[in-house]
Amino acid sequence: MTTIQSFSHTHESATMNHKHNGYKTLSGALLILLLCSGCNGEGDADIVLVTTGSPAPPLVVATLIPPHSTTLANLALVGEVNLFRVDLFVAGTLIIETSGRTDTLGTLLDANGFIIAVDDDSGFGRNFFLSAFLPPGTYFIEVEGTGCCPVGPYTLDVDFIL
């Protein structure tokens, strides 16, 4: 079974230059992007996420971070994905967001690579914000550059509330 999730946001300009890009995430999802051109944030962007419904191989190459942490990171290349691992020992709400000038897309995955949540631009500026109530377990956070400014430094903030 194929699951299709669609996300979009619009900037306040009538002038739009578009290009199509596709990304396959480590979770096995295919991410197809219709992006605005330039780094000025004008135009619009549509994001379509297509998942196959089957799990990807376990995600083992990830940076372990605590559930209460601030991590300085960098996306040096277009298409690069940073992968982080968070281990939760009790149930609670995991809150994940980025800050900075880099346009980030965030994906929260379970230990088997199934997508729990995806966000682009719900945080401040071009940053993502994710929040999910989760049982104890291992979770992965994919951070990738997207949109008008897909490369550069960013800060990943993770918080956990019982």
N, C-alpha and C. Protein backbone atom coordinates (compact mmCIF):
# COMPACT_ATOMS: atom_id res chain seq x y z
N MET A 1 0.84 -1.17 0.00
CA MET A 1 0.00 0.00 0.00
C MET A 1 0.89 1.24 0.00
N THR A 2 0.55 2.24 -0.79
CA THR A 2 1.30 3.49 -0.86
C THR A 2 0.56 4.57 -0.10
N THR A 3 1.30 5.28 0.74
CA THR A 3 0.74 6.39 1.49
C THR A 3 1.30 7.67 0.90
N ILE A 4 0.44 8.64 0.61
CA ILE A 4 0.91 9.92 0.07
C ILE A 4 0.51 11.00 1.05
N GLN A 5 1.50 11.77 1.48
CA GLN A 5 1.26 12.91 2.35
C GLN A 5 1.72 14.15 1.60
N SER A 6 0.93 15.20 1.59
CA SER A 6 1.27 16.41 0.86
C SER A 6 1.38 17.57 1.82
N PHE A 7 2.41 18.39 1.62
CA PHE A 7 2.65 19.56 2.45
C PHE A 7 2.90 20.73 1.51
N SER A 8 2.53 21.95 1.88
CA SER A 8 2.88 23.08 1.05
C SER A 8 2.96 24.33 1.90
N HIS A 9 3.70 25.30 1.40
CA HIS A 9 3.70 26.63 1.99
C HIS A 9 3.87 27.64 0.87
N THR A 10 3.43 28.85 1.09
CA THR A 10 3.48 29.88 0.06
C THR A 10 4.15 31.12 0.62
N HIS A 11 5.05 31.70 -0.16
CA HIS A 11 5.66 32.98 0.18
C HIS A 11 4.81 34.09 -0.43
N GLU A 12 5.08 35.33 -0.08
CA GLU A 12 4.20 36.44 -0.46
C GLU A 12 4.57 37.12 -1.77
N SER A 13 5.10 36.43 -2.74
CA SER A 13 5.47 37.05 -4.00
C SER A 13 4.70 36.44 -5.15
N ALA A 14 4.39 37.24 -6.14
CA ALA A 14 3.71 36.73 -7.34
C ALA A 14 4.72 36.22 -8.36
N THR A 15 6.01 36.52 -8.18
CA THR A 15 7.06 36.08 -9.10
C THR A 15 7.59 34.75 -8.63
N MET A 16 7.47 33.72 -9.47
CA MET A 16 7.86 32.38 -9.05
C MET A 16 8.69 31.70 -10.14
N ASN A 17 9.84 31.17 -9.79
CA ASN A 17 10.64 30.32 -10.65
C ASN A 17 10.72 28.98 -9.95
N HIS A 18 10.35 27.91 -10.65
CA HIS A 18 10.28 26.60 -10.01
C HIS A 18 11.22 25.60 -10.64
N LYS A 19 11.62 24.63 -9.87
CA LYS A 19 12.34 23.47 -10.38
C LYS A 19 11.87 22.26 -9.60
N HIS A 20 12.01 21.07 -10.16
CA HIS A 20 11.60 19.85 -9.49
C HIS A 20 12.82 19.13 -8.95
N ASN A 21 12.74 18.66 -7.73
CA ASN A 21 13.79 17.85 -7.13
C ASN A 21 13.15 16.67 -6.44
N GLY A 22 13.83 15.54 -6.40
CA GLY A 22 13.34 14.38 -5.67
C GLY A 22 14.41 13.90 -4.72
N TYR A 23 14.03 13.46 -3.56
CA TYR A 23 14.96 12.96 -2.57
C TYR A 23 14.44 11.65 -2.01
N LYS A 24 15.30 10.71 -1.81
CA LYS A 24 14.92 9.49 -1.11
C LYS A 24 15.54 9.57 0.27
N THR A 25 14.71 9.54 1.29
CA THR A 25 15.21 9.64 2.65
C THR A 25 15.75 8.29 3.11
N LEU A 26 16.48 8.29 4.20
CA LEU A 26 17.02 7.05 4.75
C LEU A 26 15.92 6.10 5.19
N SER A 27 14.72 6.64 5.38
CA SER A 27 13.59 5.80 5.79
C SER A 27 13.00 5.03 4.62
N GLY A 28 13.49 5.29 3.41
CA GLY A 28 12.96 4.62 2.24
C GLY A 28 11.85 5.40 1.57
N ALA A 29 11.56 6.59 2.07
CA ALA A 29 10.50 7.41 1.48
C ALA A 29 11.05 8.18 0.29
N LEU A 30 10.21 8.47 -0.65
CA LEU A 30 10.57 9.28 -1.79
C LEU A 30 9.97 10.66 -1.57
N LEU A 31 10.81 11.67 -1.55
CA LEU A 31 10.37 13.04 -1.31
C LEU A 31 10.51 13.81 -2.61
N ILE A 32 9.41 14.31 -3.15
CA ILE A 32 9.42 15.04 -4.40
C ILE A 32 9.12 16.50 -4.07
N LEU A 33 10.01 17.40 -4.47
CA LEU A 33 9.87 18.80 -4.11
C LEU A 33 9.68 19.68 -5.34
N LEU A 34 8.75 20.60 -5.27
CA LEU A 34 8.62 21.67 -6.24
C LEU A 34 9.07 22.91 -5.49
N LEU A 35 10.25 23.44 -5.86
CA LEU A 35 10.91 24.45 -5.04
C LEU A 35 10.99 25.80 -5.72
N CYS A 36 11.01 26.84 -4.89
CA CYS A 36 11.27 28.17 -5.41
C CYS A 36 12.77 28.31 -5.67
N SER A 37 13.13 29.17 -6.61
CA SER A 37 14.54 29.38 -6.94
C SER A 37 15.07 30.58 -6.18
N GLY A 38 16.37 30.60 -5.95
CA GLY A 38 17.01 31.72 -5.27
C GLY A 38 16.92 31.58 -3.77
N CYS A 39 17.67 32.38 -3.08
CA CYS A 39 17.73 32.29 -1.62
C CYS A 39 16.96 33.44 -0.98
N ASN A 40 16.12 34.13 -1.76
CA ASN A 40 15.39 35.26 -1.20
C ASN A 40 14.04 34.86 -0.64
N GLY A 41 13.65 33.58 -0.77
CA GLY A 41 12.41 33.10 -0.18
C GLY A 41 11.16 33.48 -0.95
N GLU A 42 11.30 34.01 -2.17
CA GLU A 42 10.12 34.37 -2.95
C GLU A 42 9.66 33.18 -3.77
N GLY A 43 8.37 33.14 -4.07
CA GLY A 43 7.80 32.02 -4.81
C GLY A 43 7.07 31.10 -3.86
N ASP A 44 6.83 29.87 -4.29
CA ASP A 44 6.20 28.93 -3.39
C ASP A 44 6.89 27.58 -3.50
N ALA A 45 6.56 26.70 -2.59
CA ALA A 45 7.16 25.38 -2.59
C ALA A 45 6.10 24.37 -2.20
N ASP A 46 6.03 23.29 -2.93
CA ASP A 46 5.14 22.19 -2.61
C ASP A 46 5.99 20.97 -2.35
N ILE A 47 5.64 20.22 -1.34
CA ILE A 47 6.40 19.04 -0.97
C ILE A 47 5.44 17.86 -0.95
N VAL A 48 5.76 16.82 -1.66
CA VAL A 48 4.94 15.62 -1.67
C VAL A 48 5.80 14.47 -1.16
N LEU A 49 5.33 13.79 -0.15
CA LEU A 49 6.05 12.68 0.45
C LEU A 49 5.32 11.40 0.10
N VAL A 50 6.02 10.47 -0.54
CA VAL A 50 5.43 9.21 -0.93
C VAL A 50 6.16 8.10 -0.19
N THR A 51 5.45 7.31 0.58
CA THR A 51 6.07 6.20 1.30
C THR A 51 5.50 4.88 0.78
N THR A 52 6.30 3.85 0.80
CA THR A 52 5.86 2.56 0.27
C THR A 52 5.13 1.72 1.31
N GLY A 53 5.19 2.11 2.57
CA GLY A 53 4.54 1.34 3.61
C GLY A 53 5.39 0.20 4.13
N SER A 54 6.57 0.00 3.55
CA SER A 54 7.46 -1.05 4.03
C SER A 54 8.64 -0.42 4.74
N PRO A 55 9.14 -1.06 5.77
CA PRO A 55 10.23 -0.45 6.53
C PRO A 55 11.55 -0.49 5.76
N ALA A 56 12.39 0.46 6.08
CA ALA A 56 13.75 0.47 5.56
C ALA A 56 14.62 -0.36 6.50
N PRO A 57 15.83 -0.67 6.11
CA PRO A 57 16.73 -1.36 7.03
C PRO A 57 16.94 -0.51 8.29
N PRO A 58 17.29 -1.14 9.40
CA PRO A 58 17.51 -0.37 10.63
C PRO A 58 18.52 0.76 10.41
N LEU A 59 18.25 1.89 11.05
CA LEU A 59 19.12 3.04 10.92
C LEU A 59 20.20 2.96 11.99
N VAL A 60 21.42 2.68 11.59
CA VAL A 60 22.47 2.44 12.57
C VAL A 60 23.57 3.48 12.54
N VAL A 61 23.69 4.25 11.47
CA VAL A 61 24.74 5.26 11.37
C VAL A 61 24.12 6.61 11.74
N ALA A 62 24.06 6.87 13.03
CA ALA A 62 23.43 8.10 13.51
C ALA A 62 24.20 8.63 14.70
N THR A 63 24.14 9.93 14.90
CA THR A 63 24.77 10.57 16.05
C THR A 63 23.81 10.48 17.23
N LEU A 64 24.24 9.84 18.30
CA LEU A 64 23.41 9.72 19.50
C LEU A 64 23.38 11.07 20.22
N ILE A 65 22.16 11.55 20.52
CA ILE A 65 21.99 12.78 21.28
C ILE A 65 21.00 12.53 22.41
N PRO A 66 21.17 13.22 23.54
CA PRO A 66 20.23 13.06 24.65
C PRO A 66 18.88 13.70 24.33
N PRO A 67 17.80 13.25 25.02
CA PRO A 67 16.48 13.80 24.76
C PRO A 67 16.30 15.25 25.22
N HIS A 68 17.24 15.79 25.96
CA HIS A 68 17.26 17.22 26.32
C HIS A 68 18.59 17.74 25.81
N SER A 69 18.63 18.28 24.60
CA SER A 69 19.93 18.66 24.05
C SER A 69 19.81 19.77 23.02
N THR A 70 20.93 20.46 22.83
CA THR A 70 21.11 21.43 21.76
C THR A 70 22.35 21.01 21.01
N THR A 71 22.21 20.82 19.71
CA THR A 71 23.31 20.32 18.88
C THR A 71 23.55 21.29 17.74
N LEU A 72 24.80 21.75 17.60
CA LEU A 72 25.18 22.58 16.46
C LEU A 72 25.58 21.64 15.33
N ALA A 73 25.00 21.83 14.15
CA ALA A 73 25.27 20.94 13.03
C ALA A 73 25.37 21.75 11.74
N ASN A 74 25.73 21.06 10.65
CA ASN A 74 25.91 21.73 9.37
C ASN A 74 25.50 20.81 8.23
N LEU A 75 24.83 21.38 7.26
CA LEU A 75 24.53 20.70 6.01
C LEU A 75 25.44 21.33 4.96
N ALA A 76 26.50 20.62 4.58
CA ALA A 76 27.53 21.19 3.71
C ALA A 76 27.21 21.05 2.23
N LEU A 77 26.40 20.05 1.86
CA LEU A 77 26.12 19.77 0.45
C LEU A 77 24.63 19.69 0.20
N VAL A 78 24.19 20.12 -0.98
CA VAL A 78 22.78 19.95 -1.36
C VAL A 78 22.48 18.46 -1.39
N GLY A 79 21.38 18.06 -0.77
CA GLY A 79 20.99 16.66 -0.71
C GLY A 79 21.55 15.90 0.49
N GLU A 80 22.41 16.54 1.27
CA GLU A 80 22.96 15.89 2.46
C GLU A 80 21.88 15.72 3.52
N VAL A 81 21.96 14.63 4.26
CA VAL A 81 21.02 14.36 5.36
C VAL A 81 21.84 14.08 6.61
N ASN A 82 21.54 14.80 7.70
CA ASN A 82 22.14 14.52 9.00
C ASN A 82 21.18 13.62 9.76
N LEU A 83 21.70 12.57 10.39
CA LEU A 83 20.88 11.60 11.10
C LEU A 83 21.28 11.56 12.56
N PHE A 84 20.29 11.69 13.44
CA PHE A 84 20.51 11.68 14.89
C PHE A 84 19.64 10.59 15.51
N ARG A 85 20.11 10.04 16.63
CA ARG A 85 19.37 9.00 17.36
C ARG A 85 19.07 9.50 18.77
N VAL A 86 17.84 9.26 19.21
CA VAL A 86 17.41 9.60 20.57
C VAL A 86 16.81 8.35 21.19
N ASP A 87 17.28 7.99 22.39
CA ASP A 87 16.73 6.84 23.12
C ASP A 87 15.85 7.35 24.25
N LEU A 88 14.60 6.90 24.27
CA LEU A 88 13.66 7.28 25.33
C LEU A 88 13.42 6.07 26.23
N PHE A 89 13.52 6.27 27.54
CA PHE A 89 13.37 5.18 28.49
C PHE A 89 12.00 5.15 29.16
N VAL A 90 11.23 6.23 28.97
CA VAL A 90 9.85 6.31 29.46
C VAL A 90 9.02 7.01 28.39
N ALA A 91 7.70 6.88 28.47
CA ALA A 91 6.82 7.55 27.51
C ALA A 91 6.77 9.04 27.81
N GLY A 92 6.60 9.82 26.75
CA GLY A 92 6.49 11.27 26.91
C GLY A 92 6.45 11.96 25.56
N THR A 93 6.44 13.29 25.58
CA THR A 93 6.38 14.09 24.37
C THR A 93 7.77 14.54 23.97
N LEU A 94 8.17 14.17 22.77
CA LEU A 94 9.45 14.59 22.20
C LEU A 94 9.20 15.80 21.32
N ILE A 95 9.92 16.88 21.58
CA ILE A 95 9.80 18.12 20.82
C ILE A 95 11.12 18.36 20.11
N ILE A 96 11.06 18.55 18.80
CA ILE A 96 12.26 18.68 17.98
C ILE A 96 12.09 19.90 17.08
N GLU A 97 13.11 20.77 17.05
CA GLU A 97 13.05 21.92 16.17
C GLU A 97 14.45 22.37 15.79
N THR A 98 14.53 23.07 14.68
CA THR A 98 15.80 23.66 14.28
C THR A 98 15.68 25.17 14.32
N SER A 99 16.84 25.82 14.36
CA SER A 99 16.91 27.28 14.25
C SER A 99 18.13 27.62 13.41
N GLY A 100 18.10 28.79 12.84
CA GLY A 100 19.19 29.23 11.99
C GLY A 100 18.66 29.64 10.62
N ARG A 101 19.58 30.04 9.73
CA ARG A 101 19.19 30.55 8.41
C ARG A 101 19.03 29.45 7.37
N THR A 102 19.50 28.24 7.66
CA THR A 102 19.38 27.13 6.72
C THR A 102 17.93 26.64 6.71
N ASP A 103 17.38 26.42 5.52
CA ASP A 103 16.01 25.91 5.38
C ASP A 103 16.05 24.40 5.61
N THR A 104 15.44 23.94 6.70
CA THR A 104 15.52 22.53 7.08
C THR A 104 14.17 21.83 6.99
N LEU A 105 14.25 20.55 6.67
CA LEU A 105 13.10 19.64 6.67
C LEU A 105 13.43 18.56 7.68
N GLY A 106 12.51 18.27 8.60
CA GLY A 106 12.75 17.27 9.63
C GLY A 106 11.82 16.09 9.51
N THR A 107 12.39 14.90 9.74
CA THR A 107 11.61 13.66 9.72
C THR A 107 11.91 12.89 11.00
N LEU A 108 10.87 12.46 11.71
CA LEU A 108 11.00 11.63 12.90
C LEU A 108 10.62 10.21 12.51
N LEU A 109 11.52 9.25 12.82
CA LEU A 109 11.32 7.86 12.45
C LEU A 109 11.44 6.96 13.67
N ASP A 110 10.76 5.81 13.61
CA ASP A 110 10.91 4.84 14.69
C ASP A 110 12.16 3.99 14.43
N ALA A 111 12.42 3.03 15.31
CA ALA A 111 13.63 2.21 15.22
C ALA A 111 13.69 1.36 13.95
N ASN A 112 12.53 1.10 13.32
CA ASN A 112 12.48 0.31 12.09
C ASN A 112 12.50 1.16 10.83
N GLY A 113 12.58 2.48 10.99
CA GLY A 113 12.63 3.36 9.83
C GLY A 113 11.28 3.83 9.34
N PHE A 114 10.20 3.52 10.08
CA PHE A 114 8.88 4.01 9.69
C PHE A 114 8.76 5.49 10.06
N ILE A 115 8.16 6.26 9.18
CA ILE A 115 7.98 7.69 9.43
C ILE A 115 6.86 7.91 10.43
N ILE A 116 7.18 8.69 11.48
CA ILE A 116 6.19 9.08 12.48
C ILE A 116 5.65 10.46 12.15
N ALA A 117 6.54 11.38 11.79
CA ALA A 117 6.14 12.76 11.48
C ALA A 117 7.16 13.40 10.56
N VAL A 118 6.69 14.34 9.74
CA VAL A 118 7.53 15.12 8.83
C VAL A 118 7.09 16.57 8.93
N ASP A 119 8.05 17.50 8.91
CA ASP A 119 7.67 18.90 8.91
C ASP A 119 8.68 19.73 8.12
N ASP A 120 8.16 20.77 7.50
CA ASP A 120 8.96 21.77 6.82
C ASP A 120 8.34 23.13 7.11
N ASP A 121 9.09 24.01 7.76
CA ASP A 121 8.71 25.41 7.94
C ASP A 121 7.63 25.70 8.98
N SER A 122 7.28 24.77 9.87
CA SER A 122 6.33 25.11 10.94
C SER A 122 7.02 25.80 12.10
N GLY A 123 8.35 25.76 12.13
CA GLY A 123 9.11 26.47 13.14
C GLY A 123 9.32 27.91 12.74
N PHE A 124 10.21 28.59 13.42
CA PHE A 124 10.51 29.99 13.11
C PHE A 124 11.23 30.09 11.78
N GLY A 125 10.79 30.99 10.93
CA GLY A 125 11.44 31.19 9.64
C GLY A 125 11.28 29.96 8.75
N ARG A 126 12.42 29.44 8.28
CA ARG A 126 12.41 28.28 7.38
C ARG A 126 12.76 26.99 8.13
N ASN A 127 12.53 26.97 9.41
CA ASN A 127 12.90 25.82 10.23
C ASN A 127 11.71 24.91 10.51
N PHE A 128 12.01 23.65 10.84
CA PHE A 128 10.93 22.72 11.13
C PHE A 128 10.66 22.65 12.63
N PHE A 129 9.47 22.16 12.97
CA PHE A 129 9.06 21.93 14.35
C PHE A 129 8.24 20.65 14.37
N LEU A 130 8.66 19.70 15.20
CA LEU A 130 7.94 18.43 15.34
C LEU A 130 7.66 18.18 16.82
N SER A 131 6.51 17.61 17.11
CA SER A 131 6.16 17.23 18.47
C SER A 131 5.33 15.96 18.39
N ALA A 132 5.70 14.96 19.20
CA ALA A 132 4.97 13.70 19.18
C ALA A 132 5.04 13.03 20.53
N PHE A 133 3.90 12.47 20.99
CA PHE A 133 3.89 11.65 22.20
C PHE A 133 4.36 10.25 21.80
N LEU A 134 5.40 9.75 22.47
CA LEU A 134 6.03 8.49 22.07
C LEU A 134 6.20 7.53 23.24
N PRO A 135 6.07 6.24 23.00
CA PRO A 135 6.39 5.24 24.02
C PRO A 135 7.91 5.11 24.13
N PRO A 136 8.39 4.41 25.16
CA PRO A 136 9.84 4.19 25.26
C PRO A 136 10.36 3.50 23.99
N GLY A 137 11.58 3.86 23.60
CA GLY A 137 12.17 3.23 22.43
C GLY A 137 13.26 4.07 21.81
N THR A 138 13.76 3.63 20.69
CA THR A 138 14.79 4.33 19.93
C THR A 138 14.13 5.03 18.76
N TYR A 139 14.50 6.30 18.55
CA TYR A 139 13.94 7.12 17.49
C TYR A 139 15.05 7.81 16.73
N PHE A 140 14.78 8.11 15.47
CA PHE A 140 15.75 8.78 14.62
C PHE A 140 15.18 10.08 14.10
N ILE A 141 16.06 11.07 13.96
CA ILE A 141 15.69 12.38 13.43
C ILE A 141 16.55 12.61 12.19
N GLU A 142 15.90 12.78 11.04
CA GLU A 142 16.61 13.15 9.82
C GLU A 142 16.46 14.65 9.64
N VAL A 143 17.56 15.33 9.38
CA VAL A 143 17.53 16.76 9.07
C VAL A 143 18.16 16.92 7.70
N GLU A 144 17.41 17.53 6.79
CA GLU A 144 17.96 17.77 5.46
C GLU A 144 17.63 19.18 5.03
N GLY A 145 18.49 19.72 4.18
CA GLY A 145 18.27 21.05 3.64
C GLY A 145 17.24 20.99 2.54
N THR A 146 16.46 22.04 2.42
CA THR A 146 15.41 22.10 1.41
C THR A 146 15.16 23.54 1.03
N GLY A 147 14.31 23.74 0.07
CA GLY A 147 13.86 25.08 -0.28
C GLY A 147 14.96 25.97 -0.82
N CYS A 148 14.89 27.20 -0.42
CA CYS A 148 15.75 28.24 -0.98
C CYS A 148 17.17 28.24 -0.44
N CYS A 149 17.40 27.75 0.75
CA CYS A 149 18.73 27.78 1.38
C CYS A 149 19.04 26.42 2.01
N PRO A 150 19.35 25.39 1.19
CA PRO A 150 19.48 24.03 1.71
C PRO A 150 20.82 23.68 2.35
N VAL A 151 21.78 24.60 2.34
CA VAL A 151 23.08 24.31 2.94
C VAL A 151 23.42 25.38 3.97
N GLY A 152 24.21 24.95 4.98
CA GLY A 152 24.66 25.88 6.00
C GLY A 152 24.48 25.32 7.39
N PRO A 153 24.90 26.10 8.39
CA PRO A 153 24.79 25.66 9.78
C PRO A 153 23.36 25.80 10.29
N TYR A 154 23.05 24.97 11.29
CA TYR A 154 21.75 25.07 11.97
C TYR A 154 21.93 24.54 13.38
N THR A 155 20.96 24.81 14.23
CA THR A 155 20.94 24.29 15.59
C THR A 155 19.74 23.36 15.73
N LEU A 156 19.99 22.15 16.23
CA LEU A 156 18.92 21.18 16.50
C LEU A 156 18.65 21.18 18.00
N ASP A 157 17.43 21.55 18.37
CA ASP A 157 17.01 21.55 19.77
C ASP A 157 16.03 20.41 19.98
N VAL A 158 16.31 19.57 20.99
CA VAL A 158 15.45 18.44 21.32
C VAL A 158 15.08 18.56 22.78
N ASP A 159 13.79 18.40 23.09
CA ASP A 159 13.32 18.45 24.46
C ASP A 159 12.37 17.28 24.67
N PHE A 160 12.25 16.84 25.91
CA PHE A 160 11.40 15.70 26.25
C PHE A 160 10.61 16.04 27.50
N ILE A 161 9.29 15.89 27.42
CA ILE A 161 8.40 16.22 28.52
C ILE A 161 7.65 14.97 28.93
N LEU A 162 7.70 14.63 30.21
CA LEU A 162 6.97 13.47 30.72
C LEU A 162 5.49 13.75 30.78
